[in-house]
Full PDB file with SEQRES, HELIX, SHEET, SSBOND, CRYST1, ORIGX, SCALE, CONECT and MASTER records, all heavy atoms in Angstrom:
SEQRES   1 A   36  ALA ALA PRO ASP GLY PHE THR VAL LEU ALA SER THR ASP          
SEQRES   2 A   36  VAL THR PRO VAL ALA ALA PHE GLU ASP THR ALA ARG ARG          
SEQRES   3 A   36  MET ALA GLY VAL GLN TRP HIS PRO GLU VAL                      
HELIX    1 AA1 THR A   23  ARG A   25  5                                   3    
SHEET    1 AA1 3 THR A   7  ALA A  10  0                                        
SHEET    2 AA1 3 ALA A  19  ASP A  22 -1                                        
SHEET    3 AA1 3 MET A  27  VAL A  30 -1                                        
CRYST1    1.000    1.000    1.000  90.00  90.00  90.00 P 1           1          
ORIGX1      1.000000  0.000000  0.000000        0.00000                         
ORIGX2      0.000000  1.000000  0.000000        0.00000                         
ORIGX3      0.000000  0.000000  1.000000        0.00000                         
SCALE1      1.000000  0.000000  0.000000        0.00000                         
SCALE2      0.000000  1.000000  0.000000        0.00000                         
SCALE3      0.000000  0.000000  1.000000        0.00000                         
ATOM      1  N   ALA A   1       0.893  -1.150   0.020  1.00  0.00           N  
ATOM      2  CA  ALA A   1      -0.090   0.011   0.048  1.00  0.00           C  
ATOM      3  C   ALA A   1       0.849   1.230  -0.014  1.00  0.00           C  
ATOM      4  O   ALA A   1       1.857   1.345   0.809  1.00  0.00           O  
ATOM      5  CB  ALA A   1      -0.875   0.057   1.261  1.00  0.00           C  
ATOM      6  N   ALA A   2       0.480   2.130  -0.796  1.00  0.00           N  
ATOM      7  CA  ALA A   2       1.274   3.458  -0.974  1.00  0.00           C  
ATOM      8  C   ALA A   2       0.947   4.379   0.184  1.00  0.00           C  
ATOM      9  O   ALA A   2      -0.131   4.256   0.821  1.00  0.00           O  
ATOM     10  CB  ALA A   2       0.981   4.219  -2.221  1.00  0.00           C  
ATOM     11  N   PRO A   3       1.903   5.209   0.617  1.00  0.00           N  
ATOM     12  CA  PRO A   3       1.620   6.142   1.708  1.00  0.00           C  
ATOM     13  C   PRO A   3       0.539   7.154   1.307  1.00  0.00           C  
ATOM     14  O   PRO A   3       0.213   7.338   0.058  1.00  0.00           O  
ATOM     15  CB  PRO A   3       2.962   6.932   1.809  1.00  0.00           C  
ATOM     16  CG  PRO A   3       3.976   6.099   1.215  1.00  0.00           C  
ATOM     17  CD  PRO A   3       3.216   5.383   0.094  1.00  0.00           C  
ATOM     18  N   ASP A   4      -0.107   7.795   2.240  1.00  0.00           N  
ATOM     19  CA  ASP A   4      -1.211   8.738   1.888  1.00  0.00           C  
ATOM     20  C   ASP A   4      -0.673   9.855   1.138  1.00  0.00           C  
ATOM     21  O   ASP A   4       0.444  10.208   1.233  1.00  0.00           O  
ATOM     22  CB  ASP A   4      -1.641   9.275   3.248  1.00  0.00           C  
ATOM     23  CG  ASP A   4      -2.521   8.340   4.084  1.00  0.00           C  
ATOM     24  OD1 ASP A   4      -2.941   7.358   3.463  1.00  0.00           O  
ATOM     25  OD2 ASP A   4      -2.693   8.620   5.269  1.00  0.00           O  
ATOM     26  N   GLY A   5      -1.425  10.245   0.110  1.00  0.00           N  
ATOM     27  CA  GLY A   5      -1.025  11.317  -0.750  1.00  0.00           C  
ATOM     28  C   GLY A   5      -0.319  10.935  -2.028  1.00  0.00           C  
ATOM     29  O   GLY A   5      -0.065  11.688  -2.890  1.00  0.00           O  
ATOM     30  N   PHE A   6       0.105   9.565  -2.097  1.00  0.00           N  
ATOM     31  CA  PHE A   6       0.850   9.070  -3.134  1.00  0.00           C  
ATOM     32  C   PHE A   6      -0.070   8.488  -4.225  1.00  0.00           C  
ATOM     33  O   PHE A   6      -1.006   7.758  -3.857  1.00  0.00           O  
ATOM     34  CB  PHE A   6       1.841   8.114  -2.792  1.00  0.00           C  
ATOM     35  CG  PHE A   6       3.255   8.814  -2.294  1.00  0.00           C  
ATOM     36  CD1 PHE A   6       3.207   9.391  -0.958  1.00  0.00           C  
ATOM     37  CD2 PHE A   6       4.300   8.947  -2.990  1.00  0.00           C  
ATOM     38  CE1 PHE A   6       4.325   9.955  -0.555  1.00  0.00           C  
ATOM     39  CE2 PHE A   6       5.452   9.468  -2.538  1.00  0.00           C  
ATOM     40  CZ  PHE A   6       5.469  10.059  -1.320  1.00  0.00           C  
ATOM     41  N   THR A   7       0.149   8.651  -5.525  1.00  0.00           N  
ATOM     42  CA  THR A   7      -0.598   7.965  -6.575  1.00  0.00           C  
ATOM     43  C   THR A   7       0.138   6.779  -6.940  1.00  0.00           C  
ATOM     44  O   THR A   7       1.373   6.844  -7.199  1.00  0.00           O  
ATOM     45  CB  THR A   7      -0.701   8.920  -7.757  1.00  0.00           C  
ATOM     46  OG1 THR A   7      -1.474  10.120  -7.362  1.00  0.00           O  
ATOM     47  CG2 THR A   7      -1.492   8.263  -8.953  1.00  0.00           C  
ATOM     48  N   VAL A   8      -0.430   5.607  -7.022  1.00  0.00           N  
ATOM     49  CA  VAL A   8       0.154   4.418  -7.537  1.00  0.00           C  
ATOM     50  C   VAL A   8       0.308   4.399  -8.991  1.00  0.00           C  
ATOM     51  O   VAL A   8      -0.837   4.553  -9.631  1.00  0.00           O  
ATOM     52  CB  VAL A   8      -0.677   3.140  -6.982  1.00  0.00           C  
ATOM     53  CG1 VAL A   8      -0.029   1.821  -7.587  1.00  0.00           C  
ATOM     54  CG2 VAL A   8      -0.698   3.043  -5.531  1.00  0.00           C  
ATOM     55  N   LEU A   9       1.297   4.187  -9.601  1.00  0.00           N  
ATOM     56  CA  LEU A   9       1.541   4.449 -11.049  1.00  0.00           C  
ATOM     57  C   LEU A   9       1.632   3.130 -11.727  1.00  0.00           C  
ATOM     58  O   LEU A   9       1.313   3.056 -12.969  1.00  0.00           O  
ATOM     59  CB  LEU A   9       2.779   5.238 -11.329  1.00  0.00           C  
ATOM     60  CG  LEU A   9       2.961   6.656 -10.706  1.00  0.00           C  
ATOM     61  CD1 LEU A   9       4.256   7.285 -11.034  1.00  0.00           C  
ATOM     62  CD2 LEU A   9       1.742   7.411 -11.017  1.00  0.00           C  
ATOM     63  N   ALA A  10       2.122   2.021 -11.151  1.00  0.00           N  
ATOM     64  CA  ALA A  10       2.465   0.803 -11.833  1.00  0.00           C  
ATOM     65  C   ALA A  10       2.362  -0.495 -10.947  1.00  0.00           C  
ATOM     66  O   ALA A  10       2.457  -0.349  -9.641  1.00  0.00           O  
ATOM     67  CB  ALA A  10       3.723   0.895 -12.580  1.00  0.00           C  
ATOM     68  N   SER A  11       2.150  -1.628 -11.508  1.00  0.00           N  
ATOM     69  CA  SER A  11       2.150  -2.818 -10.789  1.00  0.00           C  
ATOM     70  C   SER A  11       2.746  -3.942 -11.625  1.00  0.00           C  
ATOM     71  O   SER A  11       2.812  -3.786 -12.903  1.00  0.00           O  
ATOM     72  CB  SER A  11       0.797  -3.213 -10.275  1.00  0.00           C  
ATOM     73  OG  SER A  11      -0.060  -3.410 -11.468  1.00  0.00           O  
ATOM     74  N   THR A  12       2.953  -5.112 -10.980  1.00  0.00           N  
ATOM     75  CA  THR A  12       3.446  -6.331 -11.618  1.00  0.00           C  
ATOM     76  C   THR A  12       2.459  -7.423 -11.159  1.00  0.00           C  
ATOM     77  O   THR A  12       1.619  -7.170 -10.259  1.00  0.00           O  
ATOM     78  CB  THR A  12       4.872  -6.663 -11.409  1.00  0.00           C  
ATOM     79  OG1 THR A  12       4.953  -7.194 -10.010  1.00  0.00           O  
ATOM     80  CG2 THR A  12       5.759  -5.466 -11.591  1.00  0.00           C  
ATOM     81  N   ASP A  13       2.586  -8.610 -11.650  1.00  0.00           N  
ATOM     82  CA  ASP A  13       1.838  -9.779 -11.236  1.00  0.00           C  
ATOM     83  C   ASP A  13       1.835  -9.966  -9.663  1.00  0.00           C  
ATOM     84  O   ASP A  13       0.866 -10.384  -9.052  1.00  0.00           O  
ATOM     85  CB  ASP A  13       2.243 -10.948 -11.890  1.00  0.00           C  
ATOM     86  CG  ASP A  13       1.857 -10.963 -13.402  1.00  0.00           C  
ATOM     87  OD1 ASP A  13       1.004 -10.194 -13.786  1.00  0.00           O  
ATOM     88  OD2 ASP A  13       2.340 -11.838 -14.151  1.00  0.00           O  
ATOM     89  N   VAL A  14       3.036  -9.717  -9.102  1.00  0.00           N  
ATOM     90  CA  VAL A  14       3.102 -10.001  -7.644  1.00  0.00           C  
ATOM     91  C   VAL A  14       3.345  -8.808  -6.832  1.00  0.00           C  
ATOM     92  O   VAL A  14       3.305  -8.921  -5.579  1.00  0.00           O  
ATOM     93  CB  VAL A  14       4.293 -11.090  -7.312  1.00  0.00           C  
ATOM     94  CG1 VAL A  14       4.094 -12.382  -8.077  1.00  0.00           C  
ATOM     95  CG2 VAL A  14       5.627 -10.468  -7.739  1.00  0.00           C  
ATOM     96  N   THR A  15       3.628  -7.582  -7.432  1.00  0.00           N  
ATOM     97  CA  THR A  15       3.791  -6.386  -6.739  1.00  0.00           C  
ATOM     98  C   THR A  15       2.746  -5.390  -7.006  1.00  0.00           C  
ATOM     99  O   THR A  15       2.760  -4.773  -8.035  1.00  0.00           O  
ATOM    100  CB  THR A  15       5.121  -5.861  -7.031  1.00  0.00           C  
ATOM    101  OG1 THR A  15       6.182  -6.878  -6.788  1.00  0.00           O  
ATOM    102  CG2 THR A  15       5.405  -4.560  -6.258  1.00  0.00           C  
ATOM    103  N   PRO A  16       1.739  -5.185  -6.221  1.00  0.00           N  
ATOM    104  CA  PRO A  16       0.662  -4.266  -6.418  1.00  0.00           C  
ATOM    105  C   PRO A  16       1.096  -2.835  -6.508  1.00  0.00           C  
ATOM    106  O   PRO A  16       0.461  -1.984  -7.326  1.00  0.00           O  
ATOM    107  CB  PRO A  16      -0.328  -4.361  -5.170  1.00  0.00           C  
ATOM    108  CG  PRO A  16       0.483  -5.037  -4.076  1.00  0.00           C  
ATOM    109  CD  PRO A  16       1.638  -5.815  -4.732  1.00  0.00           C  
ATOM    110  N   VAL A  17       2.135  -2.334  -5.764  1.00  0.00           N  
ATOM    111  CA  VAL A  17       2.580  -1.054  -5.901  1.00  0.00           C  
ATOM    112  C   VAL A  17       4.063  -1.112  -6.327  1.00  0.00           C  
ATOM    113  O   VAL A  17       5.036  -1.368  -5.622  1.00  0.00           O  
ATOM    114  CB  VAL A  17       2.510  -0.282  -4.521  1.00  0.00           C  
ATOM    115  CG1 VAL A  17       3.034   1.127  -4.677  1.00  0.00           C  
ATOM    116  CG2 VAL A  17       1.206  -0.381  -4.040  1.00  0.00           C  
ATOM    117  N   ALA A  18       4.371  -0.871  -7.630  1.00  0.00           N  
ATOM    118  CA  ALA A  18       5.658  -1.064  -8.235  1.00  0.00           C  
ATOM    119  C   ALA A  18       6.188   0.430  -8.475  1.00  0.00           C  
ATOM    120  O   ALA A  18       7.451   0.560  -8.780  1.00  0.00           O  
ATOM    121  CB  ALA A  18       5.541  -1.905  -9.530  1.00  0.00           C  
ATOM    122  N   ALA A  19       5.379   1.398  -8.451  1.00  0.00           N  
ATOM    123  CA  ALA A  19       5.795   2.771  -8.605  1.00  0.00           C  
ATOM    124  C   ALA A  19       4.825   3.692  -8.091  1.00  0.00           C  
ATOM    125  O   ALA A  19       3.593   3.426  -8.074  1.00  0.00           O  
ATOM    126  CB  ALA A  19       6.021   3.011 -10.159  1.00  0.00           C  
ATOM    127  N   PHE A  20       5.185   4.746  -7.478  1.00  0.00           N  
ATOM    128  CA  PHE A  20       4.348   5.838  -7.024  1.00  0.00           C  
ATOM    129  C   PHE A  20       4.954   7.310  -7.053  1.00  0.00           C  
ATOM    130  O   PHE A  20       6.180   7.379  -7.180  1.00  0.00           O  
ATOM    131  CB  PHE A  20       3.813   5.544  -5.622  1.00  0.00           C  
ATOM    132  CG  PHE A  20       4.879   5.356  -4.472  1.00  0.00           C  
ATOM    133  CD1 PHE A  20       5.982   6.265  -4.359  1.00  0.00           C  
ATOM    134  CD2 PHE A  20       4.745   4.412  -3.454  1.00  0.00           C  
ATOM    135  CE1 PHE A  20       6.985   6.120  -3.357  1.00  0.00           C  
ATOM    136  CE2 PHE A  20       5.681   4.284  -2.549  1.00  0.00           C  
ATOM    137  CZ  PHE A  20       6.788   5.093  -2.391  1.00  0.00           C  
ATOM    138  N   GLU A  21       4.098   8.260  -6.877  1.00  0.00           N  
ATOM    139  CA  GLU A  21       4.605   9.699  -6.870  1.00  0.00           C  
ATOM    140  C   GLU A  21       3.683  10.588  -6.096  1.00  0.00           C  
ATOM    141  O   GLU A  21       2.444  10.172  -5.831  1.00  0.00           O  
ATOM    142  CB  GLU A  21       4.750  10.170  -8.250  1.00  0.00           C  
ATOM    143  CG  GLU A  21       3.402  10.460  -8.925  1.00  0.00           C  
ATOM    144  CD  GLU A  21       3.693  11.066 -10.475  1.00  0.00           C  
ATOM    145  OE1 GLU A  21       4.746  10.952 -10.961  1.00  0.00           O  
ATOM    146  OE2 GLU A  21       2.643  11.604 -10.950  1.00  0.00           O  
ATOM    147  N   ASP A  22       4.253  11.551  -5.533  1.00  0.00           N  
ATOM    148  CA  ASP A  22       3.423  12.678  -4.872  1.00  0.00           C  
ATOM    149  C   ASP A  22       4.246  14.037  -5.390  1.00  0.00           C  
ATOM    150  O   ASP A  22       5.135  14.402  -4.705  1.00  0.00           O  
ATOM    151  CB  ASP A  22       3.545  12.653  -3.410  1.00  0.00           C  
ATOM    152  CG  ASP A  22       2.647  13.686  -2.737  1.00  0.00           C  
ATOM    153  OD1 ASP A  22       2.389  14.684  -3.445  1.00  0.00           O  
ATOM    154  OD2 ASP A  22       2.469  13.632  -1.541  1.00  0.00           O  
ATOM    155  N   THR A  23       3.714  14.508  -6.482  1.00  0.00           N  
ATOM    156  CA  THR A  23       4.304  15.572  -7.090  1.00  0.00           C  
ATOM    157  C   THR A  23       4.340  16.865  -6.290  1.00  0.00           C  
ATOM    158  O   THR A  23       5.178  17.739  -6.336  1.00  0.00           O  
ATOM    159  CB  THR A  23       3.839  15.941  -8.470  1.00  0.00           C  
ATOM    160  OG1 THR A  23       2.299  16.020  -8.471  1.00  0.00           O  
ATOM    161  CG2 THR A  23       4.099  14.755  -9.399  1.00  0.00           C  
ATOM    162  N   ALA A  24       3.216  16.964  -5.438  1.00  0.00           N  
ATOM    163  CA  ALA A  24       3.185  18.225  -4.593  1.00  0.00           C  
ATOM    164  C   ALA A  24       4.352  18.204  -3.606  1.00  0.00           C  
ATOM    165  O   ALA A  24       4.858  19.254  -3.334  1.00  0.00           O  
ATOM    166  CB  ALA A  24       1.857  18.115  -3.757  1.00  0.00           C  
ATOM    167  N   ARG A  25       4.760  17.059  -3.161  1.00  0.00           N  
ATOM    168  CA  ARG A  25       5.888  16.935  -2.121  1.00  0.00           C  
ATOM    169  C   ARG A  25       7.109  16.537  -2.868  1.00  0.00           C  
ATOM    170  O   ARG A  25       8.220  16.491  -2.445  1.00  0.00           O  
ATOM    171  CB  ARG A  25       5.549  15.930  -1.092  1.00  0.00           C  
ATOM    172  CG  ARG A  25       4.672  16.375  -0.161  1.00  0.00           C  
ATOM    173  CD  ARG A  25       4.600  15.529   1.156  1.00  0.00           C  
ATOM    174  NE  ARG A  25       3.713  14.360   0.857  1.00  0.00           N  
ATOM    175  CZ  ARG A  25       3.622  13.288   1.677  1.00  0.00           C  
ATOM    176  NH1 ARG A  25       4.339  13.220   2.852  1.00  0.00           N  
ATOM    177  NH2 ARG A  25       2.896  12.283   1.353  1.00  0.00           N  
ATOM    178  N   ARG A  26       7.150  16.505  -4.269  1.00  0.00           N  
ATOM    179  CA  ARG A  26       8.312  16.240  -5.096  1.00  0.00           C  
ATOM    180  C   ARG A  26       9.026  14.994  -4.708  1.00  0.00           C  
ATOM    181  O   ARG A  26      10.246  14.939  -4.449  1.00  0.00           O  
ATOM    182  CB  ARG A  26       9.265  17.446  -5.135  1.00  0.00           C  
ATOM    183  CG  ARG A  26       8.694  18.699  -5.725  1.00  0.00           C  
ATOM    184  CD  ARG A  26       9.694  19.862  -5.964  1.00  0.00           C  
ATOM    185  NE  ARG A  26      10.229  20.243  -4.648  1.00  0.00           N  
ATOM    186  CZ  ARG A  26      11.317  20.948  -4.490  1.00  0.00           C  
ATOM    187  NH1 ARG A  26      11.906  21.388  -5.508  1.00  0.00           N  
ATOM    188  NH2 ARG A  26      11.787  21.361  -3.386  1.00  0.00           N  
ATOM    189  N   MET A  27       8.140  13.860  -4.605  1.00  0.00           N  
ATOM    190  CA  MET A  27       8.661  12.562  -4.131  1.00  0.00           C  
ATOM    191  C   MET A  27       8.138  11.557  -5.132  1.00  0.00           C  
ATOM    192  O   MET A  27       6.967  11.613  -5.573  1.00  0.00           O  
ATOM    193  CB  MET A  27       8.322  12.173  -2.696  1.00  0.00           C  
ATOM    194  CG  MET A  27       9.017  13.058  -1.744  1.00  0.00           C  
ATOM    195  SD  MET A  27       8.696  12.383  -0.063  1.00  0.00           S  
ATOM    196  CE  MET A  27       9.178  13.800   0.900  1.00  0.00           C  
ATOM    197  N   ALA A  28       9.008  10.591  -5.421  1.00  0.00           N  
ATOM    198  CA  ALA A  28       8.530   9.454  -6.250  1.00  0.00           C  
ATOM    199  C   ALA A  28       9.502   8.250  -6.097  1.00  0.00           C  
ATOM    200  O   ALA A  28      10.534   8.344  -5.412  1.00  0.00           O  
ATOM    201  CB  ALA A  28       8.633   9.875  -7.741  1.00  0.00           C  
ATOM    202  N   GLY A  29       9.044   7.096  -6.591  1.00  0.00           N  
ATOM    203  CA  GLY A  29       9.969   5.861  -6.397  1.00  0.00           C  
ATOM    204  C   GLY A  29       9.453   4.822  -7.258  1.00  0.00           C  
ATOM    205  O   GLY A  29       8.210   4.763  -7.720  1.00  0.00           O  
ATOM    206  N   VAL A  30      10.394   3.823  -7.560  1.00  0.00           N  
ATOM    207  CA  VAL A  30      10.025   2.661  -8.437  1.00  0.00           C  
ATOM    208  C   VAL A  30      10.591   1.429  -7.643  1.00  0.00           C  
ATOM    209  O   VAL A  30      11.690   1.552  -7.042  1.00  0.00           O  
ATOM    210  CB  VAL A  30      10.564   2.789  -9.898  1.00  0.00           C  
ATOM    211  CG1 VAL A  30       9.746   3.878 -10.633  1.00  0.00           C  
ATOM    212  CG2 VAL A  30      12.042   2.971  -9.942  1.00  0.00           C  
ATOM    213  N   GLN A  31      10.055   0.289  -7.776  1.00  0.00           N  
ATOM    214  CA  GLN A  31      10.561  -0.944  -7.183  1.00  0.00           C  
ATOM    215  C   GLN A  31      11.675  -1.500  -8.081  1.00  0.00           C  
ATOM    216  O   GLN A  31      12.525  -2.245  -7.638  1.00  0.00           O  
ATOM    217  CB  GLN A  31       9.426  -2.022  -7.135  1.00  0.00           C  
ATOM    218  CG  GLN A  31       9.855  -3.347  -6.554  1.00  0.00           C  
ATOM    219  CD  GLN A  31      10.331  -3.123  -5.152  1.00  0.00           C  
ATOM    220  OE1 GLN A  31       9.590  -2.879  -4.291  1.00  0.00           O  
ATOM    221  NE2 GLN A  31      11.638  -3.361  -5.040  1.00  0.00           N  
ATOM    222  N   TRP A  32      11.768  -1.010  -9.381  1.00  0.00           N  
ATOM    223  CA  TRP A  32      12.748  -1.573 -10.246  1.00  0.00           C  
ATOM    224  C   TRP A  32      14.046  -0.828 -10.171  1.00  0.00           C  
ATOM    225  O   TRP A  32      14.200   0.078  -9.492  1.00  0.00           O  
ATOM    226  CB  TRP A  32      12.198  -1.816 -11.614  1.00  0.00           C  
ATOM    227  CG  TRP A  32      11.713  -0.644 -12.311  1.00  0.00           C  
ATOM    228  CD1 TRP A  32      12.493   0.246 -13.049  1.00  0.00           C  
ATOM    229  CD2 TRP A  32      10.317  -0.094 -12.391  1.00  0.00           C  
ATOM    230  NE1 TRP A  32      11.623   1.211 -13.611  1.00  0.00           N  
ATOM    231  CE2 TRP A  32      10.440   1.080 -13.227  1.00  0.00           C  
ATOM    232  CE3 TRP A  32       9.208  -0.533 -11.774  1.00  0.00           C  
ATOM    233  CZ2 TRP A  32       9.226   1.772 -13.445  1.00  0.00           C  
ATOM    234  CZ3 TRP A  32       8.075   0.230 -12.120  1.00  0.00           C  
ATOM    235  CH2 TRP A  32       8.067   1.439 -12.856  1.00  0.00           C  
ATOM    236  N   HIS A  33      15.008  -1.236 -11.057  1.00  0.00           N  
ATOM    237  CA  HIS A  33      16.317  -0.460 -11.184  1.00  0.00           C  
ATOM    238  C   HIS A  33      16.309   0.196 -12.598  1.00  0.00           C  
ATOM    239  O   HIS A  33      16.694  -0.319 -13.613  1.00  0.00           O  
ATOM    240  CB  HIS A  33      17.447  -1.552 -11.237  1.00  0.00           C  
ATOM    241  CG  HIS A  33      17.705  -2.090  -9.888  1.00  0.00           C  
ATOM    242  ND1 HIS A  33      18.549  -1.504  -8.949  1.00  0.00           N  
ATOM    243  CD2 HIS A  33      17.422  -3.325  -9.265  1.00  0.00           C  
ATOM    244  CE1 HIS A  33      18.586  -2.223  -7.896  1.00  0.00           C  
ATOM    245  NE2 HIS A  33      17.856  -3.333  -8.031  1.00  0.00           N  
ATOM    246  N   PRO A  34      15.912   1.626 -12.548  1.00  0.00           N  
ATOM    247  CA  PRO A  34      15.898   2.308 -13.805  1.00  0.00           C  
ATOM    248  C   PRO A  34      17.297   2.539 -14.316  1.00  0.00           C  
ATOM    249  O   PRO A  34      17.534   2.893 -15.557  1.00  0.00           O  
ATOM    250  CB  PRO A  34      15.249   3.562 -13.353  1.00  0.00           C  
ATOM    251  CG  PRO A  34      15.514   3.674 -11.994  1.00  0.00           C  
ATOM    252  CD  PRO A  34      15.565   2.323 -11.337  1.00  0.00           C  
ATOM    253  N   GLU A  35      18.440   2.401 -13.501  1.00  0.00           N  
ATOM    254  CA  GLU A  35      19.765   2.728 -14.006  1.00  0.00           C  
ATOM    255  C   GLU A  35      20.346   1.604 -14.821  1.00  0.00           C  
ATOM    256  O   GLU A  35      21.384   1.890 -15.532  1.00  0.00           O  
ATOM    257  CB  GLU A  35      20.600   3.003 -12.736  1.00  0.00           C  
ATOM    258  CG  GLU A  35      20.996   1.769 -11.891  1.00  0.00           C  
ATOM    259  CD  GLU A  35      20.025   1.369 -10.811  1.00  0.00           C  
ATOM    260  OE1 GLU A  35      18.821   1.628 -10.969  1.00  0.00           O  
ATOM    261  OE2 GLU A  35      20.386   0.606  -9.997  1.00  0.00           O  
ATOM    262  N   VAL A  36      19.904   0.350 -14.810  1.00  0.00           N  
ATOM    263  CA  VAL A  36      20.437  -0.716 -15.584  1.00  0.00           C  
ATOM    264  C   VAL A  36      19.986  -0.745 -16.978  1.00  0.00           C  
ATOM    265  O   VAL A  36      18.797  -0.277 -17.179  1.00  0.00           O  
ATOM    266  CB  VAL A  36      20.408  -2.097 -14.813  1.00  0.00           C  
ATOM    267  CG1 VAL A  36      20.967  -2.018 -13.409  1.00  0.00           C  
ATOM    268  CG2 VAL A  36      18.958  -2.475 -14.806  1.00  0.00           C  
TER     269      VAL A  36                                                      
MASTER        0    0    0    1    3    0    0    6  268    1    0    3          
END                                                                             
């Protein structure tokens, strides 16, 4: 479950929250490795 105020952006078969963001607080994250 994402924290309050965050929008869930993506999921996978086993991960319901694979990415989220709260642009008002300028925060975001992804479960994967975007750098590789």
